[in-house]
Protein backbone atom coordinates (compact mmCIF):
# COMPACT_ATOMS: atom_id res chain seq x y z
CA MET A 1 0.00 0.00 0.00
CA SER A 2 2.95 2.34 0.63
CA ASN A 3 3.61 2.46 -3.10
CA TYR A 4 0.25 4.17 -3.58
CA LYS A 5 0.83 6.89 -1.00
CA THR A 6 2.53 9.31 -3.38
CA VAL A 7 -0.33 8.93 -5.85
CA PHE A 8 -3.07 9.55 -3.28
CA PHE A 9 -1.14 12.40 -1.65
CA THR A 10 -0.93 14.16 -5.00
CA LEU A 11 -4.62 13.46 -5.67
CA GLY A 12 -5.41 15.04 -2.32
CA VAL A 13 -3.53 18.20 -3.28
CA LEU A 14 -5.38 18.33 -6.61
CA GLN A 15 -8.77 17.92 -4.92
CA ILE A 16 -8.00 20.71 -2.45
CA ILE A 17 -6.98 23.01 -5.33
CA LEU A 18 -10.14 22.06 -7.24
CA GLY A 19 -12.31 22.74 -4.19
CA LEU A 20 -10.66 26.11 -3.53
CA SER A 21 -11.08 27.10 -7.19
CA MET A 22 -14.86 26.85 -6.71
CA VAL A 23 -14.63 30.08 -4.71
CA VAL A 24 -14.41 31.95 -8.02
CA PRO A 25 -17.85 30.79 -9.28
CA ILE A 26 -19.25 31.60 -5.80
CA PHE A 27 -18.16 35.22 -6.23
CA THR A 28 -19.74 35.13 -9.70
CA GLN A 29 -22.99 33.96 -8.13
CA ILE A 30 -22.88 36.90 -5.73
CA ILE A 31 -22.17 39.39 -8.53
CA PHE A 32 -25.00 38.11 -10.75
CA SER A 33 -27.42 37.46 -7.85
CA GLU A 34 -27.42 33.69 -8.43
CA LEU A 35 -26.16 32.58 -5.03
CA ASP A 36 -27.21 29.08 -4.03
CA SER A 37 -25.54 26.08 -2.37
CA SER A 38 -24.27 24.38 -5.54
CA PHE A 39 -20.66 25.55 -5.47
CA ILE A 40 -20.46 25.93 -1.69
CA SER A 41 -21.49 22.28 -1.20
CA SER A 42 -19.28 21.08 -4.06
CA GLY A 43 -16.27 22.98 -2.75
CA ILE A 44 -16.67 21.65 0.80
CA ILE A 45 -17.05 18.04 -0.42
CA SER A 46 -14.00 18.34 -2.71
CA ILE A 47 -11.82 19.88 0.02
CA ILE A 48 -12.87 17.29 2.63
CA PHE A 49 -11.92 14.41 0.34
CA GLY A 50 -8.70 16.20 -0.61
CA VAL A 51 -7.72 16.77 3.01
CA LEU A 52 -8.41 13.11 3.85
CA PHE A 53 -6.14 11.95 1.02
CA PHE A 54 -3.54 14.52 2.02
CA ILE A 55 -3.41 13.72 5.74
CA THR A 56 -3.50 9.92 5.44
CA ASN A 57 -0.59 9.91 2.99
CA LEU A 58 1.78 12.46 4.53
CA ASP A 59 4.46 9.80 4.93
CA HIS A 60 4.70 9.19 1.18
CA ASP A 61 8.01 8.50 -0.53
CA LYS A 62 8.13 11.86 -2.40
CA LYS A 63 9.40 10.00 -5.47
CA ILE A 64 7.30 8.71 -8.31
CA SER A 65 7.96 5.49 -10.19
CA LEU A 66 6.85 4.68 -13.73
CA PRO A 67 3.79 2.63 -12.64
CA GLN A 68 2.84 5.44 -10.24
CA ALA A 69 3.12 7.96 -13.08
CA PHE A 70 0.60 5.99 -15.13
CA LEU A 71 -1.78 5.56 -12.19
CA LEU A 72 -1.50 9.21 -11.13
CA THR A 73 -2.15 10.45 -14.66
CA ALA A 74 -5.33 8.40 -15.04
CA LEU A 75 -6.70 9.00 -11.54
CA SER A 76 -6.01 12.75 -11.71
CA TRP A 77 -8.23 13.26 -14.72
CA ILE A 78 -10.92 10.86 -13.52
CA SER A 79 -11.09 12.32 -10.00
CA ILE A 80 -11.25 15.91 -11.28
CA ALA A 81 -14.01 14.90 -13.70
CA ILE A 82 -15.95 13.28 -10.82
CA PHE A 83 -15.61 16.14 -8.34
CA GLY A 84 -15.87 18.70 -11.13
CA SER A 85 -19.33 17.30 -11.93
CA LEU A 86 -20.70 18.16 -8.46
CA PRO A 87 -21.61 21.80 -9.33
CA PHE A 88 -23.59 20.53 -12.32
CA ILE A 89 -25.41 17.97 -10.14
CA PHE A 90 -26.33 20.59 -7.51
CA SER A 91 -27.13 23.37 -10.01
CA SER A 92 -30.55 24.60 -11.11
CA LEU A 93 -30.03 23.00 -14.53
CA ASP A 94 -31.47 19.73 -13.19
CA LEU A 95 -28.81 17.61 -14.90
CA SER A 96 -28.65 13.88 -14.21
CA LEU A 97 -25.56 12.18 -12.81
CA THR A 98 -24.65 10.96 -16.31
CA ASP A 99 -25.11 14.39 -17.90
CA SER A 100 -23.15 16.10 -15.12
CA PHE A 101 -20.22 13.71 -15.45
CA PHE A 102 -20.32 14.00 -19.26
CA GLU A 103 -20.19 17.81 -19.06
CA SER A 104 -17.38 17.72 -16.53
CA MET A 105 -15.36 15.16 -18.49
CA SER A 106 -15.91 17.16 -21.66
CA GLY A 107 -14.56 20.21 -19.85
CA ILE A 108 -11.46 18.77 -18.19
CA THR A 109 -10.45 16.90 -21.37
CA THR A 110 -11.00 20.14 -23.37
CA THR A 111 -13.42 18.33 -25.66
CA GLY A 112 -16.23 20.90 -25.69
CA SER A 113 -19.21 18.60 -26.28
CA THR A 114 -22.18 19.74 -24.19
CA VAL A 115 -25.51 18.44 -22.92
CA ILE A 116 -26.77 21.85 -21.78
CA ILE A 117 -29.67 22.68 -24.09
CA ASN A 118 -30.01 26.43 -23.57
CA LEU A 119 -26.61 27.97 -22.89
CA ASP A 120 -27.95 31.49 -23.40
CA ASP A 121 -29.98 31.27 -20.17
CA ALA A 122 -27.62 29.06 -18.13
CA PRO A 123 -26.33 30.44 -14.78
CA LYS A 124 -23.20 32.55 -15.17
CA SER A 125 -21.45 30.56 -12.45
CA ILE A 126 -21.95 27.32 -14.40
CA LEU A 127 -20.71 28.93 -17.62
CA LEU A 128 -17.62 30.13 -15.76
CA TRP A 129 -17.06 26.70 -14.19
CA ARG A 130 -17.19 25.03 -17.63
CA ALA A 131 -14.56 27.49 -18.87
CA MET A 132 -12.40 26.95 -15.79
CA LEU A 133 -12.48 23.17 -16.24
CA GLN A 134 -11.26 23.52 -19.81
CA TRP A 135 -8.61 26.04 -18.81
CA LEU A 136 -7.31 23.75 -16.06
CA GLY A 137 -7.42 20.78 -18.45
CA GLY A 138 -5.42 22.75 -21.00
CA ILE A 139 -2.54 23.64 -18.71
CA GLY A 140 -2.72 20.20 -17.15
CA ILE A 141 -2.15 18.41 -20.44
CA ILE A 142 0.70 20.76 -21.38
CA VAL A 143 2.56 20.09 -18.13
CA MET A 144 1.84 16.36 -18.36
CA ALA A 145 2.96 16.17 -22.00
CA ILE A 146 6.30 17.76 -21.16
CA THR A 147 7.02 16.16 -17.78
CA LEU A 148 5.19 12.82 -17.46
CA MET A 149 4.36 11.55 -20.96
CA PRO A 150 7.98 11.44 -22.20
CA ILE A 151 9.18 9.28 -19.29
CA MET A 152 6.14 7.04 -19.76
CA ASN A 153 7.19 6.37 -23.38
CA VAL A 154 3.61 6.79 -24.56
CA GLY A 155 3.12 6.64 -28.33
CA GLY A 156 6.41 8.29 -29.25
CA MET A 157 6.24 11.08 -26.67
CA GLN A 158 9.71 10.02 -25.49
CA LEU A 159 10.95 12.09 -28.42
CA PHE A 160 10.22 15.16 -26.31
CA LYS A 161 12.19 14.20 -23.20
CA ILE A 162 13.59 17.40 -21.76
CA SER A 163 16.62 15.65 -20.26
CA ASP A 164 17.64 14.18 -23.61
CA GLN A 165 16.41 16.58 -26.23
CA TYR A 166 17.53 19.75 -24.51
CA SER A 167 20.49 18.59 -22.45
CA GLY A 168 22.89 20.57 -24.58
CA GLU A 169 20.91 23.78 -24.42
CA LYS A 170 21.93 25.81 -21.41
CA ILE A 171 19.08 28.25 -21.96
CA LEU A 172 16.50 25.75 -20.74
CA PRO A 173 15.90 25.44 -17.00
CA LYS A 174 15.09 22.25 -15.14
CA SER A 175 11.75 20.49 -15.16
CA LYS A 176 10.15 22.33 -12.21
CA GLU A 177 11.26 25.69 -13.53
CA ILE A 178 9.87 24.80 -16.95
CA THR A 179 6.51 23.95 -15.38
CA ILE A 180 6.36 27.34 -13.65
CA ARG A 181 7.29 29.13 -16.86
CA LEU A 182 4.67 27.19 -18.81
CA ILE A 183 1.99 28.28 -16.34
CA VAL A 184 3.12 31.91 -16.54
CA ILE A 185 3.07 31.84 -20.35
CA TYR A 186 -0.35 30.15 -20.31
CA ILE A 187 -1.79 32.80 -17.99
CA LEU A 188 -0.21 35.59 -20.05
CA LEU A 189 -1.67 34.30 -23.33
CA THR A 190 -5.09 33.91 -21.69
CA SER A 191 -4.97 37.49 -20.36
CA ILE A 192 -3.94 38.98 -23.71
CA CYS A 193 -6.68 37.01 -25.46
CA ALA A 194 -9.28 38.26 -22.94
CA LEU A 195 -8.08 41.83 -23.46
CA PHE A 196 -8.51 41.67 -27.25
CA TYR A 197 -11.90 40.00 -26.93
CA LYS A 198 -13.00 42.86 -24.66
CA ILE A 199 -11.59 45.52 -26.98
CA PHE A 200 -13.40 44.00 -29.97
CA GLY A 201 -16.83 43.98 -28.38
CA MET A 202 -17.27 41.14 -25.91
CA LYS A 203 -18.63 41.86 -22.46
CA LEU A 204 -16.11 41.38 -19.65
CA PHE A 205 -17.59 38.05 -18.52
CA ASP A 206 -17.70 36.68 -22.07
CA SER A 207 -14.14 37.81 -22.77
CA LEU A 208 -12.85 36.03 -19.67
CA THR A 209 -14.64 32.73 -20.27
CA HIS A 210 -13.97 32.62 -24.01
CA SER A 211 -10.28 33.47 -23.55
CA MET A 212 -9.94 30.48 -21.20
CA THR A 213 -11.59 28.08 -23.63
CA THR A 214 -9.74 29.55 -26.62
CA ILE A 215 -6.23 29.07 -25.23
CA ALA A 216 -7.22 25.62 -23.96
CA THR A 217 -8.55 24.84 -27.48
CA GLY A 218 -11.63 23.57 -25.64
CA GLY A 219 -14.45 25.38 -27.39
CA PHE A 220 -17.02 25.80 -24.60
CA SER A 221 -19.01 28.94 -25.29
CA ASN A 222 -21.65 30.85 -23.35
CA TYR A 223 -24.05 30.79 -26.28
CA ASN A 224 -25.88 28.22 -28.38
CA GLU A 225 -24.43 29.84 -31.52
CA SER A 226 -20.88 29.59 -30.15
CA ILE A 227 -18.51 32.30 -31.43
CA GLY A 228 -20.96 32.89 -34.26
CA PHE A 229 -23.21 34.63 -31.71
CA PHE A 230 -21.01 37.74 -31.82
CA ASN A 231 -21.04 37.95 -35.64
CA SER A 232 -17.74 39.85 -35.55
CA ALA A 233 -14.81 39.46 -37.93
CA LYS A 234 -12.43 40.96 -35.35
CA ILE A 235 -13.50 38.49 -32.67
CA GLU A 236 -13.21 35.56 -35.07
CA ILE A 237 -9.73 36.63 -36.21
CA THR A 238 -8.66 37.07 -32.58
CA SER A 239 -10.03 33.62 -31.83
CA MET A 240 -8.13 32.05 -34.73
CA ILE A 241 -4.85 33.67 -33.69
CA PHE A 242 -5.04 32.51 -30.08
CA ILE A 243 -6.30 29.04 -31.00
CA LEU A 244 -3.17 28.71 -33.13
CA LEU A 245 -1.02 30.02 -30.27
CA GLY A 246 -2.51 27.33 -28.03
CA SER A 247 -1.92 24.64 -30.66
CA ILE A 248 1.85 24.88 -31.02
CA PRO A 249 4.37 23.32 -28.58
CA PHE A 250 4.55 25.45 -25.43
CA ILE A 251 8.19 24.53 -24.97
CA SER A 252 8.78 26.69 -28.08
CA TYR A 253 7.68 29.78 -26.14
CA ILE A 254 10.29 29.08 -23.49
CA LYS A 255 12.97 28.61 -26.12
CA PHE A 256 11.88 31.85 -27.82
CA VAL A 257 11.99 33.84 -24.58
CA ASN A 258 15.43 32.43 -23.83
CA GLY A 259 17.03 33.43 -27.11
CA ASP A 260 15.94 31.12 -29.91
CA LYS A 261 14.09 33.74 -31.95
CA LYS A 262 13.73 31.47 -35.00
CA VAL A 263 12.13 28.53 -33.20
CA PHE A 264 8.65 29.15 -34.65
CA PHE A 265 10.10 29.07 -38.17
CA THR A 266 12.51 26.17 -37.75
CA ASP A 267 10.49 23.69 -35.66
CA THR A 268 9.52 20.78 -37.93
CA GLN A 269 6.20 20.20 -36.24
CA ILE A 270 5.09 23.85 -36.31
CA LYS A 271 5.96 24.23 -40.00
CA SER A 272 3.96 21.14 -40.96
CA PHE A 273 1.05 22.27 -38.77
CA PHE A 274 0.70 25.55 -40.64
CA LYS A 275 1.16 23.84 -44.00
CA ILE A 276 -1.74 21.50 -43.22
CA ILE A 277 -3.93 24.46 -42.25
CA PHE A 278 -3.05 26.40 -45.40
CA ILE A 279 -3.63 23.43 -47.72
CA SER A 280 -6.89 22.50 -45.97
CA ILE A 281 -8.24 26.03 -46.35
CA LEU A 282 -7.33 26.07 -50.05
CA ILE A 283 -9.00 22.68 -50.67
CA LEU A 284 -12.25 23.71 -49.02
CA PHE A 285 -12.19 27.16 -50.62
CA PHE A 286 -11.93 25.80 -54.15
CA TYR A 287 -14.42 23.01 -53.41
CA LEU A 288 -17.05 25.47 -52.16
CA ALA A 289 -16.26 27.95 -54.95
CA ILE A 290 -16.87 25.24 -57.55
CA LYS A 291 -19.96 23.96 -55.71
CA GLN A 292 -21.48 27.43 -55.49
CA ASP A 293 -20.25 28.34 -58.98
CA ASN A 294 -19.17 31.71 -57.62
CA ILE A 295 -15.69 32.24 -56.23
CA PHE A 296 -16.53 35.74 -54.97
CA ASN A 297 -19.29 34.49 -52.65
CA THR A 298 -16.98 31.98 -50.97
CA ASN A 299 -16.15 33.33 -47.51
CA ILE A 300 -12.47 32.60 -46.84
CA ARG A 301 -12.77 33.81 -43.23
CA VAL A 302 -15.56 31.37 -42.39
CA ILE A 303 -13.64 28.50 -44.03
CA SER A 304 -10.41 29.41 -42.23
CA PHE A 305 -12.12 29.67 -38.86
CA ASN A 306 -13.86 26.31 -39.07
CA VAL A 307 -10.78 24.52 -40.47
CA ILE A 308 -8.62 25.85 -37.62
CA SER A 309 -11.30 25.11 -35.03
CA ILE A 310 -11.87 21.50 -36.14
CA LEU A 311 -8.21 20.65 -36.82
CA THR A 312 -7.08 21.89 -33.40
CA GLY A 313 -10.03 20.23 -31.65
CA THR A 314 -11.33 23.57 -30.36
CA GLY A 315 -14.85 23.07 -31.65
CA TYR A 316 -15.99 26.68 -31.93
CA VAL A 317 -18.35 27.16 -34.86
CA THR A 318 -19.47 30.21 -36.80
CA GLN A 319 -21.57 28.49 -39.43
CA ASP A 320 -23.41 25.21 -39.96
CA PHE A 321 -20.79 23.38 -42.04
CA ASP A 322 -23.20 20.43 -42.32
CA GLN A 323 -24.67 22.40 -45.23
CA TRP A 324 -21.37 22.53 -47.13
CA GLY A 325 -21.82 19.17 -48.81
CA ASN A 326 -20.68 15.59 -48.21
CA PHE A 327 -17.06 16.23 -49.17
CA SER A 328 -16.75 18.89 -46.46
CA LEU A 329 -18.08 16.47 -43.84
CA ILE A 330 -15.57 13.78 -44.82
CA PHE A 331 -12.79 16.34 -44.91
CA PHE A 332 -13.62 17.66 -41.44
CA LEU A 333 -13.77 14.07 -40.17
CA ILE A 334 -10.19 13.57 -41.38
CA LEU A 335 -9.06 16.84 -39.78
CA MET A 336 -10.51 15.69 -36.45
CA PHE A 337 -8.00 12.85 -36.36
CA VAL A 338 -4.94 14.97 -37.18
CA GLY A 339 -4.93 17.43 -34.27
CA GLY A 340 -2.21 19.94 -33.40
CA CYS A 341 1.33 19.73 -32.09
CA ALA A 342 2.64 17.61 -29.22
CA GLY A 343 3.15 19.66 -26.06
CA SER A 344 0.19 21.92 -26.83
CA THR A 345 -3.41 21.97 -25.60
CA THR A 346 -4.68 20.12 -28.69
CA CYS A 347 -5.47 16.44 -29.06
CA GLY A 348 -5.84 14.03 -31.98
CA ILE A 349 -3.09 11.83 -33.38
CA LYS A 350 -0.71 14.83 -33.39
CA ILE A 351 1.34 16.31 -36.22
CA PHE A 352 4.64 14.64 -35.29
CA ARG A 353 3.13 11.14 -35.53
CA ILE A 354 1.71 11.92 -38.96
CA GLN A 355 5.14 13.16 -40.02
CA ILE A 356 6.94 10.10 -38.68
CA LEU A 357 4.44 7.74 -40.30
CA TYR A 358 5.04 9.56 -43.61
CA LEU A 359 8.82 9.20 -43.19
CA PHE A 360 8.35 5.50 -42.41
CA VAL A 361 6.30 4.92 -45.58
CA ILE A 362 8.86 6.75 -47.72
CA ASN A 363 11.63 4.70 -46.09
CA GLN A 364 9.81 1.46 -46.87
CA LEU A 365 9.38 2.47 -50.51
CA LYS A 366 13.12 3.23 -50.77
CA ARG A 367 13.92 -0.20 -49.35
CA LEU A 368 11.77 -1.80 -52.05
CA ILE A 369 13.65 0.07 -54.75
CA TYR A 370 17.09 -0.39 -53.16
CA PRO A 371 16.97 -3.71 -51.20
CA ARG A 372 20.61 -3.45 -50.12
CA GLY A 373 20.45 0.21 -49.17
CA ILE A 374 20.69 1.45 -45.59
CA PHE A 375 18.26 4.23 -44.80
CA VAL A 376 18.11 6.08 -41.49
CA ILE A 377 14.93 7.89 -40.52
CA LYS A 378 15.58 11.26 -38.91
CA TYR A 379 13.07 13.59 -37.29
CA GLY A 380 14.59 16.99 -36.75
CA LYS A 381 17.97 16.19 -35.18
CA SER A 382 16.89 12.84 -33.73
CA ASN A 383 17.39 9.41 -35.25
CA ILE A 384 14.26 7.27 -35.20
CA ASP A 385 14.99 3.68 -34.17
CA ASP A 386 12.73 0.64 -34.62
CA LYS A 387 11.53 0.70 -31.01
CA PHE A 388 10.41 4.30 -31.33
CA MET A 389 8.81 3.66 -34.70
CA SER A 390 6.85 0.69 -33.36
CA SER A 391 5.48 2.85 -30.51
CA VAL A 392 4.22 5.46 -32.97
CA ILE A 393 2.69 2.94 -35.36
CA SER A 394 1.07 0.98 -32.52
CA PHE A 395 -0.43 4.23 -31.19
CA ILE A 396 -1.94 5.14 -34.56
CA PHE A 397 -3.20 1.57 -35.06
CA LEU A 398 -4.79 1.49 -31.60
CA TYR A 399 -6.28 4.95 -32.16
CA ILE A 400 -8.07 3.69 -35.27
CA VAL A 401 -9.16 0.44 -33.59
CA ILE A 402 -10.67 2.28 -30.61
CA PHE A 403 -12.38 4.70 -32.99
CA PHE A 404 -14.12 1.80 -34.74
CA ILE A 405 -15.00 0.16 -31.41
CA LEU A 406 -16.56 3.41 -30.18
CA THR A 407 -18.43 3.78 -33.46
CA SER A 408 -19.81 0.26 -33.09
CA ILE A 409 -20.88 0.85 -29.48
CA LEU A 410 -22.65 4.09 -30.43
CA SER A 411 -24.44 2.39 -33.32
CA LEU A 412 -25.61 -0.36 -30.93
CA THR A 413 -27.27 2.34 -28.79
CA GLY A 414 -29.46 3.23 -31.76
CA LEU A 415 -27.61 6.17 -33.28
CA ASP A 416 -27.44 6.62 -37.05
CA PHE A 417 -24.23 6.11 -39.04
CA VAL A 418 -23.16 9.78 -39.28
CA THR A 419 -23.82 10.45 -35.59
CA SER A 420 -22.03 7.26 -34.53
CA ILE A 421 -18.92 7.76 -36.63
CA SER A 422 -18.58 11.50 -35.96
CA GLY A 423 -19.40 11.06 -32.25
CA ALA A 424 -16.61 8.51 -31.91
CA ALA A 425 -14.21 10.78 -33.80
CA THR A 426 -15.09 13.91 -31.86
CA SER A 427 -14.75 12.15 -28.48
CA ILE A 428 -11.43 10.38 -29.05
CA SER A 429 -10.02 13.47 -30.79
CA ASN A 430 -11.54 15.83 -28.18
CA VAL A 431 -13.06 18.11 -30.80
CA GLY A 432 -16.52 18.98 -29.46
CA PRO A 433 -19.24 19.12 -32.10
CA GLY A 434 -19.84 16.13 -34.33
CA LEU A 435 -21.56 15.91 -37.68
CA GLY A 436 -25.21 15.54 -38.62
CA ASP A 437 -28.45 16.96 -37.26
CA ILE A 438 -28.16 15.54 -33.72
CA ILE A 439 -24.61 16.39 -32.55
CA GLY A 440 -23.57 18.67 -35.42
CA PRO A 441 -22.74 22.40 -35.20
CA ASN A 442 -26.36 23.31 -34.42
CA GLY A 443 -27.04 20.37 -32.10
CA ASN A 444 -25.76 18.98 -28.80
CA PHE A 445 -25.41 15.69 -26.97
CA SER A 446 -28.40 15.99 -24.62
CA SER A 447 -30.68 13.67 -26.59
CA LEU A 448 -28.21 10.77 -26.60
CA SER A 449 -28.81 7.78 -24.34
CA ASN A 450 -26.90 7.36 -21.08
CA ALA A 451 -24.99 4.44 -22.61
CA SER A 452 -23.86 6.67 -25.47
CA LYS A 453 -22.73 9.41 -23.08
CA TRP A 454 -20.68 7.01 -20.95
CA ALA A 455 -19.08 5.55 -24.08
CA LEU A 456 -18.24 9.05 -25.31
CA SER A 457 -16.85 10.00 -21.87
CA LEU A 458 -14.55 6.99 -22.06
CA GLY A 459 -13.46 8.07 -25.54
CA MET A 460 -12.71 11.58 -24.25
CA ILE A 461 -10.32 10.47 -21.51
CA LEU A 462 -8.67 7.85 -23.74
CA GLY A 463 -7.97 10.50 -26.37
CA ARG A 464 -6.85 13.12 -23.88
CA LEU A 465 -4.40 10.82 -22.10
CA GLU A 466 -2.89 9.34 -25.25
CA LEU A 467 -4.68 5.95 -24.98
CA PHE A 468 -1.90 3.94 -23.31
CA ALA A 469 -1.96 5.93 -20.06
CA ILE A 470 -5.44 4.47 -19.45
CA LEU A 471 -5.23 1.09 -21.19
CA VAL A 472 -2.07 0.04 -19.34
CA LEU A 473 -4.10 -0.04 -16.12
CA PHE A 474 -6.07 -3.00 -17.45
CA ILE A 475 -2.97 -5.18 -17.87
CA PRO A 476 -2.47 -7.51 -14.85
CA SER A 477 1.34 -7.32 -15.04
CA PHE A 478 1.12 -3.55 -14.46
CA TRP A 479 -0.22 -4.07 -10.93
CA ARG A 480 2.47 -6.59 -10.04
CA LYS A 481 5.03 -3.78 -10.17
CA PHE A 482 3.50 -2.08 -7.15
């Protein structure tokens, strides 16, 4: 049992922080005359459980092993989703246990799918809490991707080990210092985003909540029409800029601040990310121009916004892209899988894995042409060995397998083909809206069965934690290491 003490001690600290953070929505309730017991009760319950975990595990080892890292990662997200659902359960929205957990899981995993039918009239405190969950989930995944995921060797994330990749760069501080700097940068970007939203017409409350969900590439909005509610080009452009800033590796900001002024132009992942965006916008632009038979009526801003939003998994919408034709739906489905850069707030397969898979295919073709040739795969300055390659390929394979399993489960609950396949894609890729009339840009997930919502919640956490961090817990040999 002593091996678990570090895990439960850390969980206790997280629960205390979560409980204390509920003070902010309480002040919001006071300001907007909505005060009730929902957040007070939720905060007290969260803090009590946190204190119990904290006190009973004070004699922990203060070191974390690899099995503990896996267990801590999974339990952190699950516990926050559970306790984060309490305000929804106690709120005036009359949400069921399933709906409350779904909304909370969607928030902390920065997915953005919602079961709240009328966001326009929802309590301000609940709207703020949704935004806070996504904001906390965003910084949480950044820190985890840079500190825990690399040592866990999950799906190729070992490529981004700080101790190996940056050992020769004196400008980079140690792991704890990097975490602090990441948080500072994250807060700074959120504040600047909120400022521009306010300047360009949002009310103060809207600017704060939307800035949190923009940087977190989460996509929760205060309105049924999402960002489209504001009908403002300036707000949409601001949103696109800060979504992109949240979608690139946050370690690049630290390198930039510490002297590497060309990092945003030389990083392999960032360059490919922007190339994919540019090409995707061009494809959809010409498709819609040909479909409408009028190139001048094709709105490049609307196309750009929705491409960036779907690719990064943000999920904001400004227009019902379900009406753009079947090709657009298939194209957006593909973009859902791609995602942004590793070490950012985005999800999906990630750009670097797509790049490495491409290099692997090219390498295999060369070996067919030159059987006796020796070809070394390089990514940036790193050589890619067979062990690393197998971890990337197995991740992508498992990602696709789980996607089809989720699709099958959703279809068994009675959902149609488009809803099933897009629901599975949007949950495992943490995008938010799906496709079709039910869960598409103008719909939500409230009408789905409880079984569907639990399946989607599972997909959300699997996608957010890079699959293996959850699945490894179901292997008996994992527990023998404790």
